[in-house]
Amino acid sequence: MAFRIVLFIIAAALSAAHFLRAENHAMVAVSLATPLLFLRRKPASLVLLQLAAYGATVNWLVVTLLLVQMRQQIGRPWTAAAVILGAVALLTLLSGLLLNARALRARYT
């Protein structure tokens, strides 16, 4: 269970770093505060954590597409950026999916 929580925290920290680079301090705070929902043992907390992970995944995919388009337009290499951001999106998606484990659901009922 610790692995699932740590993976989510890593995904949240990556999201916070992304928003910090974009100077969106409100989303940095939200990204860093979201893992605190693990402290509330309510089913709604687990659902919110999963929704946050899935929303962050969509954000990473949108950022990936925009970055690839921009790099293609200016003639710069884009494959490494696409692979890296795609991997981050996959890690974030996995962190949300792993929260659906029976052990976690039992703990949050």
C-alpha atoms as a PDB file:
ATOM      1  CA  MET A   1       0.000   0.000   0.000  1.00  0.00           C
ATOM      2  CA  ALA A   2       2.886   2.360   0.710  1.00  0.00           C
ATOM      3  CA  PHE A   3       4.071   2.016  -2.897  1.00  0.00           C
ATOM      4  CA  ARG A   4       0.682   3.207  -4.179  1.00  0.00           C
ATOM      5  CA  ILE A   5       0.705   6.245  -1.917  1.00  0.00           C
ATOM      6  CA  VAL A   6       4.326   7.130  -2.708  1.00  0.00           C
ATOM      7  CA  LEU A   7       3.648   6.827  -6.447  1.00  0.00           C
ATOM      8  CA  PHE A   8       0.728   9.231  -6.111  1.00  0.00           C
ATOM      9  CA  ILE A   9       2.863  11.676  -4.124  1.00  0.00           C
ATOM     10  CA  ILE A  10       5.542  11.563  -6.840  1.00  0.00           C
ATOM     11  CA  ALA A  11       2.897  12.250  -9.506  1.00  0.00           C
ATOM     12  CA  ALA A  12       1.546  15.157  -7.447  1.00  0.00           C
ATOM     13  CA  ALA A  13       5.056  16.591  -7.027  1.00  0.00           C
ATOM     14  CA  LEU A  14       5.647  16.374 -10.786  1.00  0.00           C
ATOM     15  CA  SER A  15       2.384  18.221 -11.385  1.00  0.00           C
ATOM     16  CA  ALA A  16       3.387  20.859  -8.854  1.00  0.00           C
ATOM     17  CA  ALA A  17       6.734  21.306 -10.623  1.00  0.00           C
ATOM     18  CA  HIS A  18       4.937  21.723 -13.945  1.00  0.00           C
ATOM     19  CA  PHE A  19       2.630  24.386 -12.516  1.00  0.00           C
ATOM     20  CA  LEU A  20       5.531  26.115 -10.770  1.00  0.00           C
ATOM     21  CA  ARG A  21       7.334  26.414 -14.099  1.00  0.00           C
ATOM     22  CA  ALA A  22       4.154  27.948 -15.535  1.00  0.00           C
ATOM     23  CA  GLU A  23       4.006  30.293 -12.516  1.00  0.00           C
ATOM     24  CA  ASN A  24       0.552  29.034 -11.546  1.00  0.00           C
ATOM     25  CA  HIS A  25       1.004  29.157  -7.782  1.00  0.00           C
ATOM     26  CA  ALA A  26      -2.590  28.261  -6.953  1.00  0.00           C
ATOM     27  CA  MET A  27      -2.260  24.947  -8.802  1.00  0.00           C
ATOM     28  CA  VAL A  28       1.121  24.345  -7.168  1.00  0.00           C
ATOM     29  CA  ALA A  29      -0.620  24.586  -3.799  1.00  0.00           C
ATOM     30  CA  VAL A  30      -3.469  22.309  -4.926  1.00  0.00           C
ATOM     31  CA  SER A  31      -1.027  19.753  -6.323  1.00  0.00           C
ATOM     32  CA  LEU A  32       0.993  19.689  -3.117  1.00  0.00           C
ATOM     33  CA  ALA A  33      -2.076  19.614  -0.862  1.00  0.00           C
ATOM     34  CA  THR A  34      -3.920  16.844  -2.700  1.00  0.00           C
ATOM     35  CA  PRO A  35      -1.930  13.966  -1.115  1.00  0.00           C
ATOM     36  CA  LEU A  36      -3.117  15.193   2.283  1.00  0.00           C
ATOM     37  CA  LEU A  37      -6.448  13.563   1.404  1.00  0.00           C
ATOM     38  CA  PHE A  38      -4.778  10.245   2.259  1.00  0.00           C
ATOM     39  CA  LEU A  39      -5.071  11.330   5.892  1.00  0.00           C
ATOM     40  CA  ARG A  40      -8.900  11.386   5.698  1.00  0.00           C
ATOM     41  CA  ARG A  41     -10.151   7.837   5.684  1.00  0.00           C
ATOM     42  CA  LYS A  42     -13.393   8.468   3.828  1.00  0.00           C
ATOM     43  CA  PRO A  43     -14.513   6.926   0.521  1.00  0.00           C
ATOM     44  CA  ALA A  44     -14.905  10.413  -0.949  1.00  0.00           C
ATOM     45  CA  SER A  45     -11.224  11.119  -0.289  1.00  0.00           C
ATOM     46  CA  LEU A  46     -10.180   8.121  -2.341  1.00  0.00           C
ATOM     47  CA  VAL A  47     -12.490   9.169  -5.183  1.00  0.00           C
ATOM     48  CA  LEU A  48     -11.087  12.715  -5.126  1.00  0.00           C
ATOM     49  CA  LEU A  49      -7.530  11.380  -5.211  1.00  0.00           C
ATOM     50  CA  GLN A  50      -8.360   9.231  -8.237  1.00  0.00           C
ATOM     51  CA  LEU A  51     -10.078  12.124 -10.008  1.00  0.00           C
ATOM     52  CA  ALA A  52      -7.054  14.324  -9.321  1.00  0.00           C
ATOM     53  CA  ALA A  53      -4.751  11.712 -10.851  1.00  0.00           C
ATOM     54  CA  TYR A  54      -6.945  11.303 -13.928  1.00  0.00           C
ATOM     55  CA  GLY A  55      -7.244  15.074 -14.344  1.00  0.00           C
ATOM     56  CA  ALA A  56      -3.484  15.441 -14.069  1.00  0.00           C
ATOM     57  CA  THR A  57      -3.090  12.711 -16.700  1.00  0.00           C
ATOM     58  CA  VAL A  58      -5.291  14.657 -19.108  1.00  0.00           C
ATOM     59  CA  ASN A  59      -3.260  17.778 -18.343  1.00  0.00           C
ATOM     60  CA  TRP A  60      -0.001  15.959 -19.172  1.00  0.00           C
ATOM     61  CA  LEU A  61      -1.441  14.651 -22.449  1.00  0.00           C
ATOM     62  CA  VAL A  62      -2.613  18.122 -23.487  1.00  0.00           C
ATOM     63  CA  VAL A  63       0.783  19.612 -22.607  1.00  0.00           C
ATOM     64  CA  THR A  64       2.482  16.853 -24.602  1.00  0.00           C
ATOM     65  CA  LEU A  65       0.375  17.506 -27.683  1.00  0.00           C
ATOM     66  CA  LEU A  66       0.893  21.265 -27.491  1.00  0.00           C
ATOM     67  CA  LEU A  67       4.638  20.914 -27.009  1.00  0.00           C
ATOM     68  CA  VAL A  68       4.964  18.471 -29.911  1.00  0.00           C
ATOM     69  CA  GLN A  69       2.969  20.783 -32.190  1.00  0.00           C
ATOM     70  CA  MET A  70       5.031  23.801 -31.187  1.00  0.00           C
ATOM     71  CA  ARG A  71       8.329  21.991 -31.711  1.00  0.00           C
ATOM     72  CA  GLN A  72       7.227  20.634 -35.076  1.00  0.00           C
ATOM     73  CA  GLN A  73       6.237  24.131 -36.222  1.00  0.00           C
ATOM     74  CA  ILE A  74       9.627  25.596 -35.382  1.00  0.00           C
ATOM     75  CA  GLY A  75      11.516  22.603 -36.730  1.00  0.00           C
ATOM     76  CA  ARG A  76      12.981  21.391 -33.443  1.00  0.00           C
ATOM     77  CA  PRO A  77      13.246  17.761 -32.319  1.00  0.00           C
ATOM     78  CA  TRP A  78      10.163  16.654 -30.446  1.00  0.00           C
ATOM     79  CA  THR A  79      10.380  12.896 -29.905  1.00  0.00           C
ATOM     80  CA  ALA A  80      12.373  12.986 -26.648  1.00  0.00           C
ATOM     81  CA  ALA A  81       9.956  15.505 -25.123  1.00  0.00           C
ATOM     82  CA  ALA A  82       6.987  13.407 -26.237  1.00  0.00           C
ATOM     83  CA  VAL A  83       8.461  10.241 -24.732  1.00  0.00           C
ATOM     84  CA  ILE A  84       9.306  11.933 -21.433  1.00  0.00           C
ATOM     85  CA  LEU A  85       5.957  13.659 -21.023  1.00  0.00           C
ATOM     86  CA  GLY A  86       4.142  10.529 -22.192  1.00  0.00           C
ATOM     87  CA  ALA A  87       5.951   8.554 -19.493  1.00  0.00           C
ATOM     88  CA  VAL A  88       4.940  11.130 -16.875  1.00  0.00           C
ATOM     89  CA  ALA A  89       1.324  10.900 -18.084  1.00  0.00           C
ATOM     90  CA  LEU A  90       1.490   7.112 -17.843  1.00  0.00           C
ATOM     91  CA  LEU A  91       2.962   7.271 -14.316  1.00  0.00           C
ATOM     92  CA  THR A  92       0.198   9.663 -13.263  1.00  0.00           C
ATOM     93  CA  LEU A  93      -2.496   7.447 -14.776  1.00  0.00           C
ATOM     94  CA  LEU A  94      -0.997   4.413 -13.048  1.00  0.00           C
ATOM     95  CA  SER A  95      -0.976   6.247  -9.722  1.00  0.00           C
ATOM     96  CA  GLY A  96      -4.726   6.801 -10.067  1.00  0.00           C
ATOM     97  CA  LEU A  97      -5.479   3.261 -11.194  1.00  0.00           C
ATOM     98  CA  LEU A  98      -3.511   1.756  -8.318  1.00  0.00           C
ATOM     99  CA  LEU A  99      -5.702   3.631  -5.851  1.00  0.00           C
ATOM    100  CA  ASN A 100      -8.552   1.351  -6.917  1.00  0.00           C
ATOM    101  CA  ALA A 101      -6.996  -1.623  -5.098  1.00  0.00           C
ATOM    102  CA  ARG A 102      -9.158  -3.679  -2.779  1.00  0.00           C
ATOM    103  CA  ALA A 103      -6.829  -2.999   0.180  1.00  0.00           C
ATOM    104  CA  LEU A 104      -7.140   0.764  -0.214  1.00  0.00           C
ATOM    105  CA  ARG A 105     -10.889   0.647  -0.751  1.00  0.00           C
ATOM    106  CA  ALA A 106     -11.252  -1.419   2.437  1.00  0.00           C
ATOM    107  CA  ARG A 107      -9.164   1.081   4.378  1.00  0.00           C
ATOM    108  CA  TYR A 108     -11.245   4.033   3.139  1.00  0.00           C
ATOM    109  CA  THR A 109     -14.729   2.695   3.976  1.00  0.00           C
END
